[in-house]
PDB file of N, CA and C in Angstrom:
ATOM      1  N   MET A   1      14.353  -2.305   5.830  1.00  0.00           N
ATOM      2  CA  MET A   1      13.995  -3.418   6.711  1.00  0.00           C
ATOM      3  C   MET A   1      12.524  -3.938   6.278  1.00  0.00           C
ATOM      4  N   HIS A   2      12.520  -5.192   6.116  1.00  0.00           N
ATOM      5  CA  HIS A   2      11.261  -5.786   5.747  1.00  0.00           C
ATOM      6  C   HIS A   2      10.291  -5.846   6.806  1.00  0.00           C
ATOM      7  N   PHE A   3       9.089  -5.882   6.537  1.00  0.00           N
ATOM      8  CA  PHE A   3       7.986  -5.981   7.595  1.00  0.00           C
ATOM      9  C   PHE A   3       6.779  -6.816   7.012  1.00  0.00           C
ATOM     10  N   THR A   4       5.958  -7.296   7.885  1.00  0.00           N
ATOM     11  CA  THR A   4       4.542  -7.891   7.716  1.00  0.00           C
ATOM     12  C   THR A   4       3.539  -7.208   8.368  1.00  0.00           C
ATOM     13  N   ILE A   5       2.405  -7.145   7.429  1.00  0.00           N
ATOM     14  CA  ILE A   5       1.201  -6.426   8.198  1.00  0.00           C
ATOM     15  C   ILE A   5       0.583  -7.534   9.086  1.00  0.00           C
ATOM     16  N   VAL A   6       0.060  -6.817  10.189  1.00  0.00           N
ATOM     17  CA  VAL A   6      -0.519  -7.876  11.230  1.00  0.00           C
ATOM     18  C   VAL A   6      -1.906  -7.203  11.361  1.00  0.00           C
ATOM     19  N   GLY A   7      -2.843  -8.022  11.052  1.00  0.00           N
ATOM     20  CA  GLY A   7      -4.282  -7.425  11.231  1.00  0.00           C
ATOM     21  C   GLY A   7      -4.814  -6.744  10.025  1.00  0.00           C
ATOM     22  N   ARG A   8      -5.725  -5.817  10.141  1.00  0.00           N
ATOM     23  CA  ARG A   8      -6.329  -5.050   9.172  1.00  0.00           C
ATOM     24  C   ARG A   8      -5.677  -3.584   8.890  1.00  0.00           C
ATOM     25  N   ILE A   9      -5.941  -3.068   7.789  1.00  0.00           N
ATOM     26  CA  ILE A   9      -5.505  -1.835   7.414  1.00  0.00           C
ATOM     27  C   ILE A   9      -6.717  -0.997   7.846  1.00  0.00           C
ATOM     28  N   ARG A  10      -6.533   0.149   8.552  1.00  0.00           N
ATOM     29  CA  ARG A  10      -7.612   1.072   8.985  1.00  0.00           C
ATOM     30  C   ARG A  10      -7.377   2.278   8.275  1.00  0.00           C
ATOM     31  N   ASN A  11      -8.439   3.040   8.322  1.00  0.00           N
ATOM     32  CA  ASN A  11      -8.531   4.401   7.647  1.00  0.00           C
ATOM     33  C   ASN A  11      -7.894   4.457   6.198  1.00  0.00           C
ATOM     34  N   ALA A  12      -8.220   3.560   5.399  1.00  0.00           N
ATOM     35  CA  ALA A  12      -7.883   3.516   3.983  1.00  0.00           C
ATOM     36  C   ALA A  12      -8.580   4.531   3.248  1.00  0.00           C
ATOM     37  N   GLU A  13      -7.651   5.359   2.526  1.00  0.00           N
ATOM     38  CA  GLU A  13      -8.254   6.327   1.646  1.00  0.00           C
ATOM     39  C   GLU A  13      -7.448   6.333   0.317  1.00  0.00           C
ATOM     40  N   ALA A  14      -8.165   6.799  -0.730  1.00  0.00           N
ATOM     41  CA  ALA A  14      -7.414   6.872  -2.040  1.00  0.00           C
ATOM     42  C   ALA A  14      -6.749   8.357  -2.046  1.00  0.00           C
ATOM     43  N   ILE A  15      -5.506   8.211  -2.406  1.00  0.00           N
ATOM     44  CA  ILE A  15      -4.672   9.612  -2.687  1.00  0.00           C
ATOM     45  C   ILE A  15      -4.855   9.942  -3.979  1.00  0.00           C
ATOM     46  N   SER A  16      -4.835   8.945  -5.020  1.00  0.00           N
ATOM     47  CA  SER A  16      -5.016   9.437  -6.393  1.00  0.00           C
ATOM     48  C   SER A  16      -5.546   8.101  -7.123  1.00  0.00           C
ATOM     49  N   ALA A  17      -6.261   8.346  -8.320  1.00  0.00           N
ATOM     50  CA  ALA A  17      -6.822   7.355  -9.013  1.00  0.00           C
ATOM     51  C   ALA A  17      -6.703   7.655 -10.670  1.00  0.00           C
ATOM     52  N   GLY A  18      -6.915   6.629 -11.387  1.00  0.00           N
ATOM     53  CA  GLY A  18      -6.953   6.720 -12.827  1.00  0.00           C
ATOM     54  C   GLY A  18      -5.688   7.294 -13.427  1.00  0.00           C
ATOM     55  N   ARG A  19      -5.810   8.345 -14.309  1.00  0.00           N
ATOM     56  CA  ARG A  19      -4.570   8.851 -14.851  1.00  0.00           C
ATOM     57  C   ARG A  19      -3.805   9.825 -13.969  1.00  0.00           C
ATOM     58  N   SER A  20      -4.176  10.188 -12.777  1.00  0.00           N
ATOM     59  CA  SER A  20      -3.165  11.034 -12.000  1.00  0.00           C
ATOM     60  C   SER A  20      -2.262   9.993 -11.036  1.00  0.00           C
ATOM     61  N   VAL A  21      -2.512   8.661 -11.245  1.00  0.00           N
ATOM     62  CA  VAL A  21      -1.388   7.739 -10.689  1.00  0.00           C
ATOM     63  C   VAL A  21      -0.188   7.847 -11.607  1.00  0.00           C
ATOM     64  N   ARG A  22       1.073   8.191 -11.056  1.00  0.00           N
ATOM     65  CA  ARG A  22       2.220   8.585 -11.821  1.00  0.00           C
ATOM     66  C   ARG A  22       2.814   7.324 -12.459  1.00  0.00           C
ATOM     67  N   ILE A  23       2.777   6.250 -11.686  1.00  0.00           N
ATOM     68  CA  ILE A  23       3.406   5.134 -12.422  1.00  0.00           C
ATOM     69  C   ILE A  23       2.296   4.036 -13.040  1.00  0.00           C
ATOM     70  N   ARG A  24       1.393   4.804 -13.461  1.00  0.00           N
ATOM     71  CA  ARG A  24       0.117   3.799 -13.978  1.00  0.00           C
ATOM     72  C   ARG A  24       0.697   3.155 -15.111  1.00  0.00           C
ATOM     73  N   THR A  25       1.366   3.639 -16.079  1.00  0.00           N
ATOM     74  CA  THR A  25       1.848   2.800 -17.262  1.00  0.00           C
ATOM     75  C   THR A  25       2.722   1.616 -16.853  1.00  0.00           C
ATOM     76  N   HIS A  26       3.715   1.748 -15.886  1.00  0.00           N
ATOM     77  CA  HIS A  26       4.437   0.729 -15.225  1.00  0.00           C
ATOM     78  C   HIS A  26       3.488  -0.430 -14.668  1.00  0.00           C
ATOM     79  N   LEU A  27       2.471   0.129 -13.820  1.00  0.00           N
ATOM     80  CA  LEU A  27       1.525  -0.911 -13.219  1.00  0.00           C
ATOM     81  C   LEU A  27       0.899  -1.708 -14.210  1.00  0.00           C
ATOM     82  N   ILE A  28       0.296  -1.208 -15.310  1.00  0.00           N
ATOM     83  CA  ILE A  28      -0.363  -1.799 -16.439  1.00  0.00           C
ATOM     84  C   ILE A  28       0.633  -2.729 -17.081  1.00  0.00           C
ATOM     85  N   GLN A  29       1.782  -2.441 -17.319  1.00  0.00           N
ATOM     86  CA  GLN A  29       2.612  -3.328 -18.067  1.00  0.00           C
ATOM     87  C   GLN A  29       3.296  -4.505 -17.089  1.00  0.00           C
ATOM     88  N   ARG A  30       3.255  -4.218 -15.747  1.00  0.00           N
ATOM     89  CA  ARG A  30       3.750  -5.383 -14.984  1.00  0.00           C
ATOM     90  C   ARG A  30       2.520  -6.319 -14.390  1.00  0.00           C
ATOM     91  N   PHE A  31       1.443  -5.656 -14.113  1.00  0.00           N
ATOM     92  CA  PHE A  31       0.313  -6.387 -13.558  1.00  0.00           C
ATOM     93  C   PHE A  31      -0.942  -6.482 -14.337  1.00  0.00           C
ATOM     94  N   GLY A  32      -1.082  -5.640 -15.260  1.00  0.00           N
ATOM     95  CA  GLY A  32      -2.293  -5.559 -16.167  1.00  0.00           C
ATOM     96  C   GLY A  32      -3.179  -4.331 -16.057  1.00  0.00           C
ATOM     97  N   ALA A  33      -4.219  -4.335 -16.997  1.00  0.00           N
ATOM     98  CA  ALA A  33      -5.014  -3.150 -16.987  1.00  0.00           C
ATOM     99  C   ALA A  33      -6.099  -3.174 -15.880  1.00  0.00           C
ATOM    100  N   GLY A  34      -6.400  -2.190 -15.217  1.00  0.00           N
ATOM    101  CA  GLY A  34      -7.325  -1.998 -14.101  1.00  0.00           C
ATOM    102  C   GLY A  34      -7.540  -0.484 -13.867  1.00  0.00           C
ATOM    103  N   ARG A  35      -8.282  -0.379 -12.890  1.00  0.00           N
ATOM    104  CA  ARG A  35      -8.499   0.964 -12.398  1.00  0.00           C
ATOM    105  C   ARG A  35      -7.598   1.318 -11.176  1.00  0.00           C
ATOM    106  N   TRP A  36      -6.305   1.601 -11.491  1.00  0.00           N
ATOM    107  CA  TRP A  36      -5.177   1.720 -10.537  1.00  0.00           C
ATOM    108  C   TRP A  36      -5.573   2.994  -9.504  1.00  0.00           C
ATOM    109  N   ARG A  37      -5.354   2.799  -8.318  1.00  0.00           N
ATOM    110  CA  ARG A  37      -5.391   3.771  -7.273  1.00  0.00           C
ATOM    111  C   ARG A  37      -4.228   3.875  -6.369  1.00  0.00           C
ATOM    112  N   LYS A  38      -3.761   4.939  -5.821  1.00  0.00           N
ATOM    113  CA  LYS A  38      -2.711   4.791  -4.780  1.00  0.00           C
ATOM    114  C   LYS A  38      -3.392   5.130  -3.654  1.00  0.00           C
ATOM    115  N   MET A  39      -3.177   4.407  -2.614  1.00  0.00           N
ATOM    116  CA  MET A  39      -3.917   4.440  -1.316  1.00  0.00           C
ATOM    117  C   MET A  39      -3.056   4.480  -0.256  1.00  0.00           C
ATOM    118  N   LYS A  40      -3.615   5.093   0.904  1.00  0.00           N
ATOM    119  CA  LYS A  40      -2.862   5.134   2.088  1.00  0.00           C
ATOM    120  C   LYS A  40      -3.792   4.586   3.300  1.00  0.00           C
ATOM    121  N   GLY A  41      -3.071   4.194   4.284  1.00  0.00           N
ATOM    122  CA  GLY A  41      -3.802   3.670   5.624  1.00  0.00           C
ATOM    123  C   GLY A  41      -2.997   3.543   6.722  1.00  0.00           C
ATOM    124  N   GLU A  42      -3.658   3.003   7.835  1.00  0.00           N
ATOM    125  CA  GLU A  42      -2.693   2.783   9.021  1.00  0.00           C
ATOM    126  C   GLU A  42      -2.903   1.201   9.387  1.00  0.00           C
ATOM    127  N   ALA A  43      -1.713   0.731   9.825  1.00  0.00           N
ATOM    128  CA  ALA A  43      -1.870  -0.779  10.230  1.00  0.00           C
ATOM    129  C   ALA A  43      -0.871  -0.894  11.301  1.00  0.00           C
ATOM    130  N   THR A  44      -0.852  -2.195  11.895  1.00  0.00           N
ATOM    131  CA  THR A  44       0.065  -2.633  12.891  1.00  0.00           C
ATOM    132  C   THR A  44       1.090  -3.509  12.012  1.00  0.00           C
ATOM    133  N   ILE A  45       2.292  -3.347  12.131  1.00  0.00           N
ATOM    134  CA  ILE A  45       3.268  -4.072  11.346  1.00  0.00           C
ATOM    135  C   ILE A  45       4.137  -4.704  12.198  1.00  0.00           C
ATOM    136  N   ARG A  46       4.789  -5.780  11.816  1.00  0.00           N
ATOM    137  CA  ARG A  46       5.847  -6.610  12.497  1.00  0.00           C
ATOM    138  C   ARG A  46       7.130  -6.634  11.601  1.00  0.00           C
ATOM    139  N   PHE A  47       8.182  -5.996  12.175  1.00  0.00           N
ATOM    140  CA  PHE A  47       9.397  -6.183  11.581  1.00  0.00           C
ATOM    141  C   PHE A  47      10.250  -7.403  11.758  1.00  0.00           C
ATOM    142  N   ASP A  48      11.296  -7.614  10.895  1.00  0.00           N
ATOM    143  CA  ASP A  48      11.842  -8.881  10.909  1.00  0.00           C
ATOM    144  C   ASP A  48      12.474  -9.194  12.250  1.00  0.00           C
ATOM    145  N   ASP A  49      12.827  -8.234  13.160  1.00  0.00           N
ATOM    146  CA  ASP A  49      13.293  -8.486  14.477  1.00  0.00           C
ATOM    147  C   ASP A  49      12.134  -8.679  15.463  1.00  0.00           C
ATOM    148  N   GLY A  50      11.004  -8.647  15.085  1.00  0.00           N
ATOM    149  CA  GLY A  50       9.813  -9.033  16.061  1.00  0.00           C
ATOM    150  C   GLY A  50       9.087  -7.939  16.626  1.00  0.00           C
ATOM    151  N   THR A  51       9.722  -6.738  16.512  1.00  0.00           N
ATOM    152  CA  THR A  51       9.034  -5.511  17.224  1.00  0.00           C
ATOM    153  C   THR A  51       7.730  -5.087  16.355  1.00  0.00           C
ATOM    154  N   LEU A  52       6.789  -4.774  17.173  1.00  0.00           N
ATOM    155  CA  LEU A  52       5.513  -4.380  16.462  1.00  0.00           C
ATOM    156  C   LEU A  52       5.382  -2.793  16.591  1.00  0.00           C
ATOM    157  N   HIS A  53       4.900  -2.076  15.528  1.00  0.00           N
ATOM    158  CA  HIS A  53       4.687  -0.733  15.441  1.00  0.00           C
ATOM    159  C   HIS A  53       3.565  -0.494  14.708  1.00  0.00           C
ATOM    160  N   ARG A  54       2.788   0.764  14.894  1.00  0.00           N
ATOM    161  CA  ARG A  54       1.611   1.132  14.200  1.00  0.00           C
ATOM    162  C   ARG A  54       2.316   2.111  13.154  1.00  0.00           C
ATOM    163  N   ALA A  55       1.993   1.941  11.740  1.00  0.00           N
ATOM    164  CA  ALA A  55       2.589   2.691  10.853  1.00  0.00           C
ATOM    165  C   ALA A  55       1.595   3.174   9.754  1.00  0.00           C
ATOM    166  N   GLU A  56       1.864   4.259   9.184  1.00  0.00           N
ATOM    167  CA  GLU A  56       1.162   4.706   7.783  1.00  0.00           C
ATOM    168  C   GLU A  56       1.813   3.938   6.703  1.00  0.00           C
ATOM    169  N   LEU A  57       0.988   3.329   5.885  1.00  0.00           N
ATOM    170  CA  LEU A  57       1.429   2.575   4.701  1.00  0.00           C
ATOM    171  C   LEU A  57       0.776   3.317   3.483  1.00  0.00           C
ATOM    172  N   HIS A  58       1.524   3.288   2.421  1.00  0.00           N
ATOM    173  CA  HIS A  58       1.049   3.520   0.938  1.00  0.00           C
ATOM    174  C   HIS A  58       1.333   2.377   0.183  1.00  0.00           C
ATOM    175  N   TRP A  59       0.314   2.203  -0.801  1.00  0.00           N
ATOM    176  CA  TRP A  59       0.188   1.130  -1.748  1.00  0.00           C
ATOM    177  C   TRP A  59      -0.541   1.431  -2.954  1.00  0.00           C
ATOM    178  N   PHE A  60      -0.480   0.545  -4.026  1.00  0.00           N
ATOM    179  CA  PHE A  60      -1.243   0.715  -5.071  1.00  0.00           C
ATOM    180  C   PHE A  60      -2.060  -0.476  -5.204  1.00  0.00           C
ATOM    181  N   GLU A  61      -3.411  -0.293  -5.736  1.00  0.00           N
ATOM    182  CA  GLU A  61      -4.299  -1.487  -5.825  1.00  0.00           C
ATOM    183  C   GLU A  61      -5.148  -1.222  -7.112  1.00  0.00           C
ATOM    184  N   ALA A  62      -5.780  -2.327  -7.560  1.00  0.00           N
ATOM    185  CA  ALA A  62      -6.595  -2.393  -8.696  1.00  0.00           C
ATOM    186  C   ALA A  62      -7.669  -3.601  -8.481  1.00  0.00           C
ATOM    187  N   HIS A  63      -8.879  -3.287  -8.741  1.00  0.00           N
ATOM    188  CA  HIS A  63      -9.858  -4.349  -8.630  1.00  0.00           C
ATOM    189  C   HIS A  63      -9.425  -5.622  -9.329  1.00  0.00           C
ATOM    190  N   GLY A  64      -9.366  -6.835  -8.779  1.00  0.00           N
ATOM    191  CA  GLY A  64      -9.084  -7.939  -9.413  1.00  0.00           C
ATOM    192  C   GLY A  64      -7.608  -8.374  -9.497  1.00  0.00           C
ATOM    193  N   ILE A  65      -6.937  -7.290  -9.143  1.00  0.00           N
ATOM    194  CA  ILE A  65      -5.276  -7.535  -9.133  1.00  0.00           C
ATOM    195  C   ILE A  65      -4.851  -7.560  -7.637  1.00  0.00           C
ATOM    196  N   GLY A  66      -5.377  -6.425  -6.784  1.00  0.00           N
ATOM    197  CA  GLY A  66      -5.054  -6.515  -5.418  1.00  0.00           C
ATOM    198  C   GLY A  66      -3.983  -5.491  -5.020  1.00  0.00           C
ATOM    199  N   ARG A  67      -3.447  -5.671  -3.878  1.00  0.00           N
ATOM    200  CA  ARG A  67      -2.543  -4.637  -3.391  1.00  0.00           C
ATOM    201  C   ARG A  67      -1.087  -5.007  -3.796  1.00  0.00           C
ATOM    202  N   VAL A  68      -0.186  -3.930  -4.354  1.00  0.00           N
ATOM    203  CA  VAL A  68       1.031  -4.119  -4.824  1.00  0.00           C
ATOM    204  C   VAL A  68       1.800  -2.993  -4.076  1.00  0.00           C
ATOM    205  N   TYR A  69       3.159  -3.125  -4.071  1.00  0.00           N
ATOM    206  CA  TYR A  69       3.969  -2.217  -3.766  1.00  0.00           C
ATOM    207  C   TYR A  69       3.677  -1.405  -2.330  1.00  0.00           C
ATOM    208  N   VAL A  70       3.549  -2.271  -1.456  1.00  0.00           N
ATOM    209  CA  VAL A  70       3.290  -1.680   0.029  1.00  0.00           C
ATOM    210  C   VAL A  70       4.478  -1.081   0.560  1.00  0.00           C
ATOM    211  N   LYS A  71       4.347   0.241   0.919  1.00  0.00           N
ATOM    212  CA  LYS A  71       5.661   0.959   1.462  1.00  0.00           C
ATOM    213  C   LYS A  71       5.261   1.624   2.908  1.00  0.00           C
ATOM    214  N   ARG A  72       6.095   1.387   3.891  1.00  0.00           N
ATOM    215  CA  ARG A  72       5.972   2.012   5.140  1.00  0.00           C
ATOM    216  C   ARG A  72       6.427   3.482   4.945  1.00  0.00           C
ATOM    217  N   LYS A  73       5.678   4.466   5.246  1.00  0.00           N
ATOM    218  CA  LYS A  73       5.953   5.881   5.255  1.00  0.00           C
ATOM    219  C   LYS A  73       6.454   6.440   6.556  1.00  0.00           C
ATOM    220  N   ARG A  74       5.887   6.232   7.717  1.00  0.00           N
ATOM    221  CA  ARG A  74       6.387   6.647   8.924  1.00  0.00           C
ATOM    222  C   ARG A  74       5.694   5.710  10.060  1.00  0.00           C
ATOM    223  N   ASN A  75       6.388   5.634  11.142  1.00  0.00           N
ATOM    224  CA  ASN A  75       5.852   4.998  12.266  1.00  0.00           C
ATOM    225  C   ASN A  75       4.838   6.082  13.091  1.00  0.00           C
ATOM    226  N   LEU A  76       3.734   5.673  13.520  1.00  0.00           N
ATOM    227  CA  LEU A  76       2.796   6.768  14.366  1.00  0.00           C
ATOM    228  C   LEU A  76       2.768   6.435  15.721  1.00  0.00           C
ATOM    229  N   ASP A  77       3.876   5.632  16.378  1.00  0.00           N
ATOM    230  CA  ASP A  77       3.874   5.385  17.901  1.00  0.00           C
ATOM    231  C   ASP A  77       5.372   5.632  18.269  1.00  0.00           C
TER     232      ASP A  77
END
C-alpha cells in the first residue's frame, strides 16, 4: 500500500553508515557516490485511502542525493 509522509520525520537516527550499509554498491550504481547511511525515524503518514497513521520508517540517504527507498516498517498507533 502506498503512502505519503505528512509533516516532519521525528527521532531520526542512523542504523548503519559507510561500508556497513549492505546495498551500498547498488546505491552507488543507481544514485551516485556519497556517504550512504541507513536511517530510521517516526512520522505521520497518509495512505491512499486517506487514513492517517504514525509509523516507523526506514530509508537510505546521502548528502547531496537525499532520501531514497522509504519503507514503512510498522504502525505505532
